[in-house]
Amino acid sequence: MDDQICKHLSAIKKLKQPEYYLCDECMKHGGNWVHLRTCQECGVTLCCDSSPSKHASKHARETGHPVVISAEPGERWLWCYVDEEMVEY
């Protein structure tokens, strides 16, 4: 990663890809999602902030896991919740 991006993004050396395309938390509670994000710390896939429950950002706040990738096919970017920074790969 580039030296000009935040330390959280530059710390990512190998991407954790989604194992499946569904929100773990929405599935437990019968919720719906718009887009999916995969946590780069633990690998959980959760729904984005455009989704009603916003599970990915809740997970980041509650766990301190700062970086997600888009789990959407064809999208290739990482997002840091702490520094509100995105980088494409």
PDB file of N, CA and C in Angstrom:
ATOM      1  N   MET A   1       0.834  -1.191   0.000  1.00  0.00           N
ATOM      2  CA  MET A   1       0.000   0.000   0.000  1.00  0.00           C
ATOM      3  C   MET A   1       0.876   1.252   0.000  1.00  0.00           C
ATOM      4  N   ASP A   2       0.319   2.351  -0.355  1.00  0.00           N
ATOM      5  CA  ASP A   2       0.992   3.635  -0.498  1.00  0.00           C
ATOM      6  C   ASP A   2       1.284   4.270   0.861  1.00  0.00           C
ATOM      7  N   ASP A   3       2.428   4.959   0.990  1.00  0.00           N
ATOM      8  CA  ASP A   3       2.791   5.631   2.227  1.00  0.00           C
ATOM      9  C   ASP A   3       1.916   6.847   2.515  1.00  0.00           C
ATOM     10  N   GLN A   4       1.176   7.333   1.526  1.00  0.00           N
ATOM     11  CA  GLN A   4       0.368   8.529   1.718  1.00  0.00           C
ATOM     12  C   GLN A   4      -1.036   8.222   2.232  1.00  0.00           C
ATOM     13  N   ILE A   5      -1.376   6.979   2.379  1.00  0.00           N
ATOM     14  CA  ILE A   5      -2.690   6.632   2.925  1.00  0.00           C
ATOM     15  C   ILE A   5      -2.568   6.399   4.428  1.00  0.00           C
ATOM     16  N   CYS A   6      -3.680   6.328   5.111  1.00  0.00           N
ATOM     17  CA  CYS A   6      -3.668   6.195   6.571  1.00  0.00           C
ATOM     18  C   CYS A   6      -2.990   4.893   7.008  1.00  0.00           C
ATOM     19  N   LYS A   7      -2.588   4.860   8.257  1.00  0.00           N
ATOM     20  CA  LYS A   7      -1.865   3.697   8.788  1.00  0.00           C
ATOM     21  C   LYS A   7      -2.724   2.435   8.803  1.00  0.00           C
ATOM     22  N   HIS A   8      -4.040   2.598   8.947  1.00  0.00           N
ATOM     23  CA  HIS A   8      -4.922   1.434   8.975  1.00  0.00           C
ATOM     24  C   HIS A   8      -4.979   0.763   7.603  1.00  0.00           C
ATOM     25  N   LEU A   9      -5.104   1.580   6.560  1.00  0.00           N
ATOM     26  CA  LEU A   9      -5.143   1.036   5.208  1.00  0.00           C
ATOM     27  C   LEU A   9      -3.784   0.485   4.800  1.00  0.00           C
ATOM     28  N   SER A  10      -2.723   1.190   5.144  1.00  0.00           N
ATOM     29  CA  SER A  10      -1.393   0.732   4.741  1.00  0.00           C
ATOM     30  C   SER A  10      -0.974  -0.539   5.483  1.00  0.00           C
ATOM     31  N   ALA A  11      -1.623  -0.856   6.597  1.00  0.00           N
ATOM     32  CA  ALA A  11      -1.308  -2.071   7.348  1.00  0.00           C
ATOM     33  C   ALA A  11      -1.874  -3.330   6.690  1.00  0.00           C
ATOM     34  N   ILE A  12      -2.805  -3.174   5.771  1.00  0.00           N
ATOM     35  CA  ILE A  12      -3.423  -4.321   5.104  1.00  0.00           C
ATOM     36  C   ILE A  12      -2.455  -4.871   4.064  1.00  0.00           C
ATOM     37  N   LYS A  13      -2.064  -6.105   4.233  1.00  0.00           N
ATOM     38  CA  LYS A  13      -1.124  -6.747   3.310  1.00  0.00           C
ATOM     39  C   LYS A  13      -1.799  -7.800   2.444  1.00  0.00           C
ATOM     40  N   LYS A  14      -2.795  -8.484   2.995  1.00  0.00           N
ATOM     41  CA  LYS A  14      -3.536  -9.503   2.258  1.00  0.00           C
ATOM     42  C   LYS A  14      -5.015  -9.307   2.540  1.00  0.00           C
ATOM     43  N   LEU A  15      -5.814  -9.220   1.488  1.00  0.00           N
ATOM     44  CA  LEU A  15      -7.245  -8.961   1.654  1.00  0.00           C
ATOM     45  C   LEU A  15      -7.998 -10.212   2.068  1.00  0.00           C
ATOM     46  N   LYS A  16      -8.924 -10.013   3.001  1.00  0.00           N
ATOM     47  CA  LYS A  16      -9.861 -11.064   3.380  1.00  0.00           C
ATOM     48  C   LYS A  16     -11.083 -10.892   2.479  1.00  0.00           C
ATOM     49  N   GLN A  17     -11.313 -11.854   1.620  1.00  0.00           N
ATOM     50  CA  GLN A  17     -12.431 -11.805   0.693  1.00  0.00           C
ATOM     51  C   GLN A  17     -13.669 -12.416   1.345  1.00  0.00           C
ATOM     52  N   PRO A  18     -14.852 -11.975   0.933  1.00  0.00           N
ATOM     53  CA  PRO A  18     -16.070 -12.565   1.508  1.00  0.00           C
ATOM     54  C   PRO A  18     -16.193 -14.036   1.132  1.00  0.00           C
ATOM     55  N   GLU A  19     -16.660 -14.821   2.085  1.00  0.00           N
ATOM     56  CA  GLU A  19     -16.898 -16.239   1.816  1.00  0.00           C
ATOM     57  C   GLU A  19     -18.250 -16.443   1.145  1.00  0.00           C
ATOM     58  N   TYR A  20     -19.165 -15.523   1.372  1.00  0.00           N
ATOM     59  CA  TYR A  20     -20.511 -15.581   0.813  1.00  0.00           C
ATOM     60  C   TYR A  20     -21.053 -14.158   0.778  1.00  0.00           C
ATOM     61  N   TYR A  21     -22.134 -13.968   0.045  1.00  0.00           N
ATOM     62  CA  TYR A  21     -22.672 -12.617  -0.161  1.00  0.00           C
ATOM     63  C   TYR A  21     -23.988 -12.425   0.575  1.00  0.00           C
ATOM     64  N   LEU A  22     -23.870 -12.335   1.908  1.00  0.00           N
ATOM     65  CA  LEU A  22     -25.013 -12.011   2.746  1.00  0.00           C
ATOM     66  C   LEU A  22     -24.496 -11.382   4.028  1.00  0.00           C
ATOM     67  N   CYS A  23     -25.340 -10.593   4.669  1.00  0.00           N
ATOM     68  CA  CYS A  23     -24.973  -9.947   5.924  1.00  0.00           C
ATOM     69  C   CYS A  23     -25.243 -10.919   7.072  1.00  0.00           C
ATOM     70  N   ASP A  24     -24.189 -11.258   7.805  1.00  0.00           N
ATOM     71  CA  ASP A  24     -24.328 -12.204   8.920  1.00  0.00           C
ATOM     72  C   ASP A  24     -25.397 -11.758   9.916  1.00  0.00           C
ATOM     73  N   GLU A  25     -25.398 -10.482  10.271  1.00  0.00           N
ATOM     74  CA  GLU A  25     -26.347  -9.982  11.279  1.00  0.00           C
ATOM     75  C   GLU A  25     -27.770  -9.878  10.729  1.00  0.00           C
ATOM     76  N   CYS A  26     -27.923  -9.417   9.503  1.00  0.00           N
ATOM     77  CA  CYS A  26     -29.270  -9.347   8.918  1.00  0.00           C
ATOM     78  C   CYS A  26     -29.893 -10.742   8.815  1.00  0.00           C
ATOM     79  N   MET A  27     -29.075 -11.735   8.505  1.00  0.00           N
ATOM     80  CA  MET A  27     -29.590 -13.096   8.410  1.00  0.00           C
ATOM     81  C   MET A  27     -30.094 -13.591   9.762  1.00  0.00           C
ATOM     82  N   LYS A  28     -29.432 -13.210  10.843  1.00  0.00           N
ATOM     83  CA  LYS A  28     -29.862 -13.623  12.181  1.00  0.00           C
ATOM     84  C   LYS A  28     -31.190 -12.996  12.576  1.00  0.00           C
ATOM     85  N   HIS A  29     -31.433 -11.768  12.110  1.00  0.00           N
ATOM     86  CA  HIS A  29     -32.591 -10.998  12.567  1.00  0.00           C
ATOM     87  C   HIS A  29     -33.633 -10.744  11.484  1.00  0.00           C
ATOM     88  N   GLY A  30     -33.471 -11.354  10.329  1.00  0.00           N
ATOM     89  CA  GLY A  30     -34.440 -11.194   9.253  1.00  0.00           C
ATOM     90  C   GLY A  30     -34.398  -9.826   8.590  1.00  0.00           C
ATOM     91  N   GLY A  31     -33.251  -9.169   8.613  1.00  0.00           N
ATOM     92  CA  GLY A  31     -33.110  -7.844   8.011  1.00  0.00           C
ATOM     93  C   GLY A  31     -32.777  -7.909   6.531  1.00  0.00           C
ATOM     94  N   ASN A  32     -32.729  -6.738   5.932  1.00  0.00           N
ATOM     95  CA  ASN A  32     -32.395  -6.585   4.514  1.00  0.00           C
ATOM     96  C   ASN A  32     -31.171  -5.711   4.370  1.00  0.00           C
ATOM     97  N   TRP A  33     -30.445  -5.873   3.294  1.00  0.00           N
ATOM     98  CA  TRP A  33     -29.258  -5.054   3.054  1.00  0.00           C
ATOM     99  C   TRP A  33     -29.238  -4.537   1.636  1.00  0.00           C
ATOM    100  N   VAL A  34     -28.440  -3.479   1.423  1.00  0.00           N
ATOM    101  CA  VAL A  34     -28.262  -2.882   0.108  1.00  0.00           C
ATOM    102  C   VAL A  34     -26.947  -3.361  -0.498  1.00  0.00           C
ATOM    103  N   HIS A  35     -25.836  -3.136   0.219  1.00  0.00           N
ATOM    104  CA  HIS A  35     -24.506  -3.558  -0.218  1.00  0.00           C
ATOM    105  C   HIS A  35     -23.786  -4.191   0.963  1.00  0.00           C
ATOM    106  N   LEU A  36     -22.736  -4.931   0.656  1.00  0.00           N
ATOM    107  CA  LEU A  36     -22.011  -5.654   1.686  1.00  0.00           C
ATOM    108  C   LEU A  36     -20.560  -5.208   1.791  1.00  0.00           C
ATOM    109  N   ARG A  37     -20.008  -5.296   3.010  1.00  0.00           N
ATOM    110  CA  ARG A  37     -18.619  -4.947   3.301  1.00  0.00           C
ATOM    111  C   ARG A  37     -18.003  -6.084   4.113  1.00  0.00           C
ATOM    112  N   THR A  38     -16.721  -6.365   3.881  1.00  0.00           N
ATOM    113  CA  THR A  38     -16.028  -7.419   4.616  1.00  0.00           C
ATOM    114  C   THR A  38     -14.937  -6.805   5.482  1.00  0.00           C
ATOM    115  N   CYS A  39     -14.998  -7.078   6.781  1.00  0.00           N
ATOM    116  CA  CYS A  39     -14.028  -6.580   7.751  1.00  0.00           C
ATOM    117  C   CYS A  39     -12.661  -7.200   7.470  1.00  0.00           C
ATOM    118  N   GLN A  40     -11.646  -6.374   7.436  1.00  0.00           N
ATOM    119  CA  GLN A  40     -10.306  -6.862   7.149  1.00  0.00           C
ATOM    120  C   GLN A  40      -9.564  -7.324   8.392  1.00  0.00           C
ATOM    121  N   GLU A  41     -10.166  -7.180   9.537  1.00  0.00           N
ATOM    122  CA  GLU A  41      -9.584  -7.692  10.773  1.00  0.00           C
ATOM    123  C   GLU A  41     -10.039  -9.131  11.032  1.00  0.00           C
ATOM    124  N   CYS A  42     -11.350  -9.355  10.969  1.00  0.00           N
ATOM    125  CA  CYS A  42     -11.889 -10.662  11.342  1.00  0.00           C
ATOM    126  C   CYS A  42     -12.576 -11.409  10.199  1.00  0.00           C
ATOM    127  N   GLY A  43     -12.834 -10.745   9.077  1.00  0.00           N
ATOM    128  CA  GLY A  43     -13.407 -11.405   7.910  1.00  0.00           C
ATOM    129  C   GLY A  43     -14.918 -11.489   7.859  1.00  0.00           C
ATOM    130  N   VAL A  44     -15.625 -10.934   8.846  1.00  0.00           N
ATOM    131  CA  VAL A  44     -17.082 -10.969   8.834  1.00  0.00           C
ATOM    132  C   VAL A  44     -17.607 -10.057   7.716  1.00  0.00           C
ATOM    133  N   THR A  45     -18.690 -10.491   7.061  1.00  0.00           N
ATOM    134  CA  THR A  45     -19.318  -9.695   6.013  1.00  0.00           C
ATOM    135  C   THR A  45     -20.637  -9.160   6.547  1.00  0.00           C
ATOM    136  N   LEU A  46     -20.792  -7.829   6.447  1.00  0.00           N
ATOM    137  CA  LEU A  46     -21.952  -7.138   7.017  1.00  0.00           C
ATOM    138  C   LEU A  46     -22.456  -6.075   6.058  1.00  0.00           C
ATOM    139  N   CYS A  47     -23.629  -5.524   6.336  1.00  0.00           N
ATOM    140  CA  CYS A  47     -24.261  -4.552   5.441  1.00  0.00           C
ATOM    141  C   CYS A  47     -23.691  -3.136   5.619  1.00  0.00           C
ATOM    142  N   CYS A  48     -23.788  -2.362   4.553  1.00  0.00           N
ATOM    143  CA  CYS A  48     -23.224  -1.015   4.479  1.00  0.00           C
ATOM    144  C   CYS A  48     -24.125   0.035   5.134  1.00  0.00           C
ATOM    145  N   ASP A  49     -23.663   1.272   5.133  1.00  0.00           N
ATOM    146  CA  ASP A  49     -24.426   2.369   5.740  1.00  0.00           C
ATOM    147  C   ASP A  49     -25.637   2.795   4.915  1.00  0.00           C
ATOM    148  N   SER A  50     -25.776   2.315   3.689  1.00  0.00           N
ATOM    149  CA  SER A  50     -26.996   2.556   2.917  1.00  0.00           C
ATOM    150  C   SER A  50     -28.089   1.563   3.299  1.00  0.00           C
ATOM    151  N   SER A  51     -27.724   0.542   4.025  1.00  0.00           N
ATOM    152  CA  SER A  51     -28.669  -0.483   4.479  1.00  0.00           C
ATOM    153  C   SER A  51     -29.329  -0.023   5.776  1.00  0.00           C
ATOM    154  N   PRO A  52     -30.537  -0.491   6.053  1.00  0.00           N
ATOM    155  CA  PRO A  52     -31.256  -0.033   7.253  1.00  0.00           C
ATOM    156  C   PRO A  52     -30.501  -0.223   8.568  1.00  0.00           C
ATOM    157  N   SER A  53     -29.810  -1.345   8.739  1.00  0.00           N
ATOM    158  CA  SER A  53     -29.173  -1.627  10.030  1.00  0.00           C
ATOM    159  C   SER A  53     -27.725  -1.180  10.144  1.00  0.00           C
ATOM    160  N   LYS A  54     -27.059  -0.898   9.049  1.00  0.00           N
ATOM    161  CA  LYS A  54     -25.682  -0.386   9.048  1.00  0.00           C
ATOM    162  C   LYS A  54     -24.750  -1.239   9.910  1.00  0.00           C
ATOM    163  N   HIS A  55     -24.815  -2.549   9.735  1.00  0.00           N
ATOM    164  CA  HIS A  55     -24.054  -3.452  10.593  1.00  0.00           C
ATOM    165  C   HIS A  55     -22.541  -3.312  10.459  1.00  0.00           C
ATOM    166  N   ALA A  56     -22.019  -3.006   9.270  1.00  0.00           N
ATOM    167  CA  ALA A  56     -20.557  -2.912   9.107  1.00  0.00           C
ATOM    168  C   ALA A  56     -19.974  -1.772   9.940  1.00  0.00           C
ATOM    169  N   SER A  57     -20.599  -0.606   9.902  1.00  0.00           N
ATOM    170  CA  SER A  57     -20.058   0.514  10.693  1.00  0.00           C
ATOM    171  C   SER A  57     -20.287   0.288  12.192  1.00  0.00           C
ATOM    172  N   LYS A  58     -21.387  -0.354  12.571  1.00  0.00           N
ATOM    173  CA  LYS A  58     -21.598  -0.702  13.985  1.00  0.00           C
ATOM    174  C   LYS A  58     -20.502  -1.651  14.454  1.00  0.00           C
ATOM    175  N   HIS A  59     -20.180  -2.617  13.621  1.00  0.00           N
ATOM    176  CA  HIS A  59     -19.114  -3.574  13.945  1.00  0.00           C
ATOM    177  C   HIS A  59     -17.783  -2.832  14.129  1.00  0.00           C
ATOM    178  N   ALA A  60     -17.483  -1.912  13.251  1.00  0.00           N
ATOM    179  CA  ALA A  60     -16.229  -1.149  13.348  1.00  0.00           C
ATOM    180  C   ALA A  60     -16.165  -0.361  14.660  1.00  0.00           C
ATOM    181  N   ARG A  61     -17.262   0.298  15.019  1.00  0.00           N
ATOM    182  CA  ARG A  61     -17.297   1.070  16.268  1.00  0.00           C
ATOM    183  C   ARG A  61     -17.165   0.176  17.495  1.00  0.00           C
ATOM    184  N   GLU A  62     -17.886  -0.939  17.501  1.00  0.00           N
ATOM    185  CA  GLU A  62     -17.919  -1.806  18.672  1.00  0.00           C
ATOM    186  C   GLU A  62     -16.638  -2.623  18.861  1.00  0.00           C
ATOM    187  N   THR A  63     -15.969  -2.976  17.783  1.00  0.00           N
ATOM    188  CA  THR A  63     -14.799  -3.852  17.876  1.00  0.00           C
ATOM    189  C   THR A  63     -13.474  -3.112  17.709  1.00  0.00           C
ATOM    190  N   GLY A  64     -13.524  -1.910  17.108  1.00  0.00           N
ATOM    191  CA  GLY A  64     -12.278  -1.206  16.804  1.00  0.00           C
ATOM    192  C   GLY A  64     -11.618  -1.713  15.536  1.00  0.00           C
ATOM    193  N   HIS A  65     -12.314  -2.514  14.753  1.00  0.00           N
ATOM    194  CA  HIS A  65     -11.790  -2.997  13.476  1.00  0.00           C
ATOM    195  C   HIS A  65     -12.030  -1.912  12.434  1.00  0.00           C
ATOM    196  N   PRO A  66     -10.987  -1.217  11.981  1.00  0.00           N
ATOM    197  CA  PRO A  66     -11.175  -0.006  11.198  1.00  0.00           C
ATOM    198  C   PRO A  66     -11.412  -0.162   9.697  1.00  0.00           C
ATOM    199  N   VAL A  67     -10.982  -1.267   9.085  1.00  0.00           N
ATOM    200  CA  VAL A  67     -10.971  -1.337   7.620  1.00  0.00           C
ATOM    201  C   VAL A  67     -11.899  -2.419   7.086  1.00  0.00           C
ATOM    202  N   VAL A  68     -12.646  -2.048   6.035  1.00  0.00           N
ATOM    203  CA  VAL A  68     -13.479  -2.992   5.293  1.00  0.00           C
ATOM    204  C   VAL A  68     -13.135  -2.891   3.814  1.00  0.00           C
ATOM    205  N   ILE A  69     -13.468  -3.961   3.093  1.00  0.00           N
ATOM    206  CA  ILE A  69     -13.462  -3.871   1.637  1.00  0.00           C
ATOM    207  C   ILE A  69     -14.901  -4.010   1.175  1.00  0.00           C
ATOM    208  N   SER A  70     -15.167  -3.524  -0.022  1.00  0.00           N
ATOM    209  CA  SER A  70     -16.469  -3.778  -0.607  1.00  0.00           C
ATOM    210  C   SER A  70     -16.543  -5.260  -0.938  1.00  0.00           C
ATOM    211  N   ALA A  71     -17.647  -5.881  -0.573  1.00  0.00           N
ATOM    212  CA  ALA A  71     -17.872  -7.289  -0.901  1.00  0.00           C
ATOM    213  C   ALA A  71     -18.719  -7.417  -2.160  1.00  0.00           C
ATOM    214  N   GLU A  72     -18.938  -6.298  -2.829  1.00  0.00           N
ATOM    215  CA  GLU A  72     -19.750  -6.304  -4.039  1.00  0.00           C
ATOM    216  C   GLU A  72     -18.913  -6.746  -5.234  1.00  0.00           C
ATOM    217  N   PRO A  73     -19.420  -7.689  -6.032  1.00  0.00           N
ATOM    218  CA  PRO A  73     -18.690  -8.116  -7.224  1.00  0.00           C
ATOM    219  C   PRO A  73     -18.366  -6.923  -8.125  1.00  0.00           C
ATOM    220  N   GLY A  74     -17.122  -6.847  -8.566  1.00  0.00           N
ATOM    221  CA  GLY A  74     -16.691  -5.774  -9.457  1.00  0.00           C
ATOM    222  C   GLY A  74     -16.181  -4.527  -8.754  1.00  0.00           C
ATOM    223  N   GLU A  75     -16.431  -4.383  -7.461  1.00  0.00           N
ATOM    224  CA  GLU A  75     -15.923  -3.223  -6.712  1.00  0.00           C
ATOM    225  C   GLU A  75     -14.618  -3.625  -6.046  1.00  0.00           C
ATOM    226  N   ARG A  76     -13.603  -2.742  -6.141  1.00  0.00           N
ATOM    227  CA  ARG A  76     -12.281  -3.063  -5.611  1.00  0.00           C
ATOM    228  C   ARG A  76     -11.750  -1.869  -4.829  1.00  0.00           C
ATOM    229  N   TRP A  77     -12.237  -1.723  -3.595  1.00  0.00           N
ATOM    230  CA  TRP A  77     -11.777  -0.627  -2.742  1.00  0.00           C
ATOM    231  C   TRP A  77     -11.831  -1.020  -1.279  1.00  0.00           C
ATOM    232  N   LEU A  78     -11.014  -0.314  -0.500  1.00  0.00           N
ATOM    233  CA  LEU A  78     -10.982  -0.453   0.955  1.00  0.00           C
ATOM    234  C   LEU A  78     -11.423   0.865   1.567  1.00  0.00           C
ATOM    235  N   TRP A  79     -12.035   0.807   2.737  1.00  0.00           N
ATOM    236  CA  TRP A  79     -12.489   1.994   3.462  1.00  0.00           C
ATOM    237  C   TRP A  79     -12.019   1.901   4.902  1.00  0.00           C
ATOM    238  N   CYS A  80     -11.474   3.008   5.422  1.00  0.00           N
ATOM    239  CA  CYS A  80     -11.096   3.098   6.829  1.00  0.00           C
ATOM    240  C   CYS A  80     -12.133   3.949   7.548  1.00  0.00           C
ATOM    241  N   TYR A  81     -12.831   3.357   8.506  1.00  0.00           N
ATOM    242  CA  TYR A  81     -13.837   4.094   9.273  1.00  0.00           C
ATOM    243  C   TYR A  81     -13.206   5.146  10.179  1.00  0.00           C
ATOM    244  N   VAL A  82     -12.035   4.883  10.701  1.00  0.00           N
ATOM    245  CA  VAL A  82     -11.376   5.809  11.633  1.00  0.00           C
ATOM    246  C   VAL A  82     -10.989   7.097  10.917  1.00  0.00           C
ATOM    247  N   ASP A  83     -10.291   6.958   9.791  1.00  0.00           N
ATOM    248  CA  ASP A  83      -9.770   8.130   9.079  1.00  0.00           C
ATOM    249  C   ASP A  83     -10.661   8.578   7.909  1.00  0.00           C
ATOM    250  N   GLU A  84     -11.773   7.862   7.699  1.00  0.00           N
ATOM    251  CA  GLU A  84     -12.692   8.169   6.601  1.00  0.00           C
ATOM    252  C   GLU A  84     -11.935   8.328   5.291  1.00  0.00           C
ATOM    253  N   GLU A  85     -11.154   7.304   4.980  1.00  0.00           N
ATOM    254  CA  GLU A  85     -10.335   7.320   3.777  1.00  0.00           C
ATOM    255  C   GLU A  85     -10.581   6.058   2.977  1.00  0.00           C
ATOM    256  N   MET A  86     -10.584   6.217   1.650  1.00  0.00           N
ATOM    257  CA  MET A  86     -10.807   5.091   0.746  1.00  0.00           C
ATOM    258  C   MET A  86      -9.614   4.960  -0.185  1.00  0.00           C
ATOM    259  N   VAL A  87      -9.315   3.743  -0.561  1.00  0.00           N
ATOM    260  CA  VAL A  87      -8.282   3.496  -1.566  1.00  0.00           C
ATOM    261  C   VAL A  87      -8.784   2.359  -2.471  1.00  0.00           C
ATOM    262  N   GLU A  88      -8.567   2.537  -3.754  1.00  0.00           N
ATOM    263  CA  GLU A  88      -8.931   1.485  -4.721  1.00  0.00           C
ATOM    264  C   GLU A  88      -7.733   0.571  -4.907  1.00  0.00           C
ATOM    265  N   TYR A  89      -8.007  -0.669  -5.228  1.00  0.00           N
ATOM    266  CA  TYR A  89      -6.915  -1.626  -5.479  1.00  0.00           C
ATOM    267  C   TYR A  89      -7.167  -2.367  -6.769  1.00  0.00           C
TER     268      TYR A  89
END
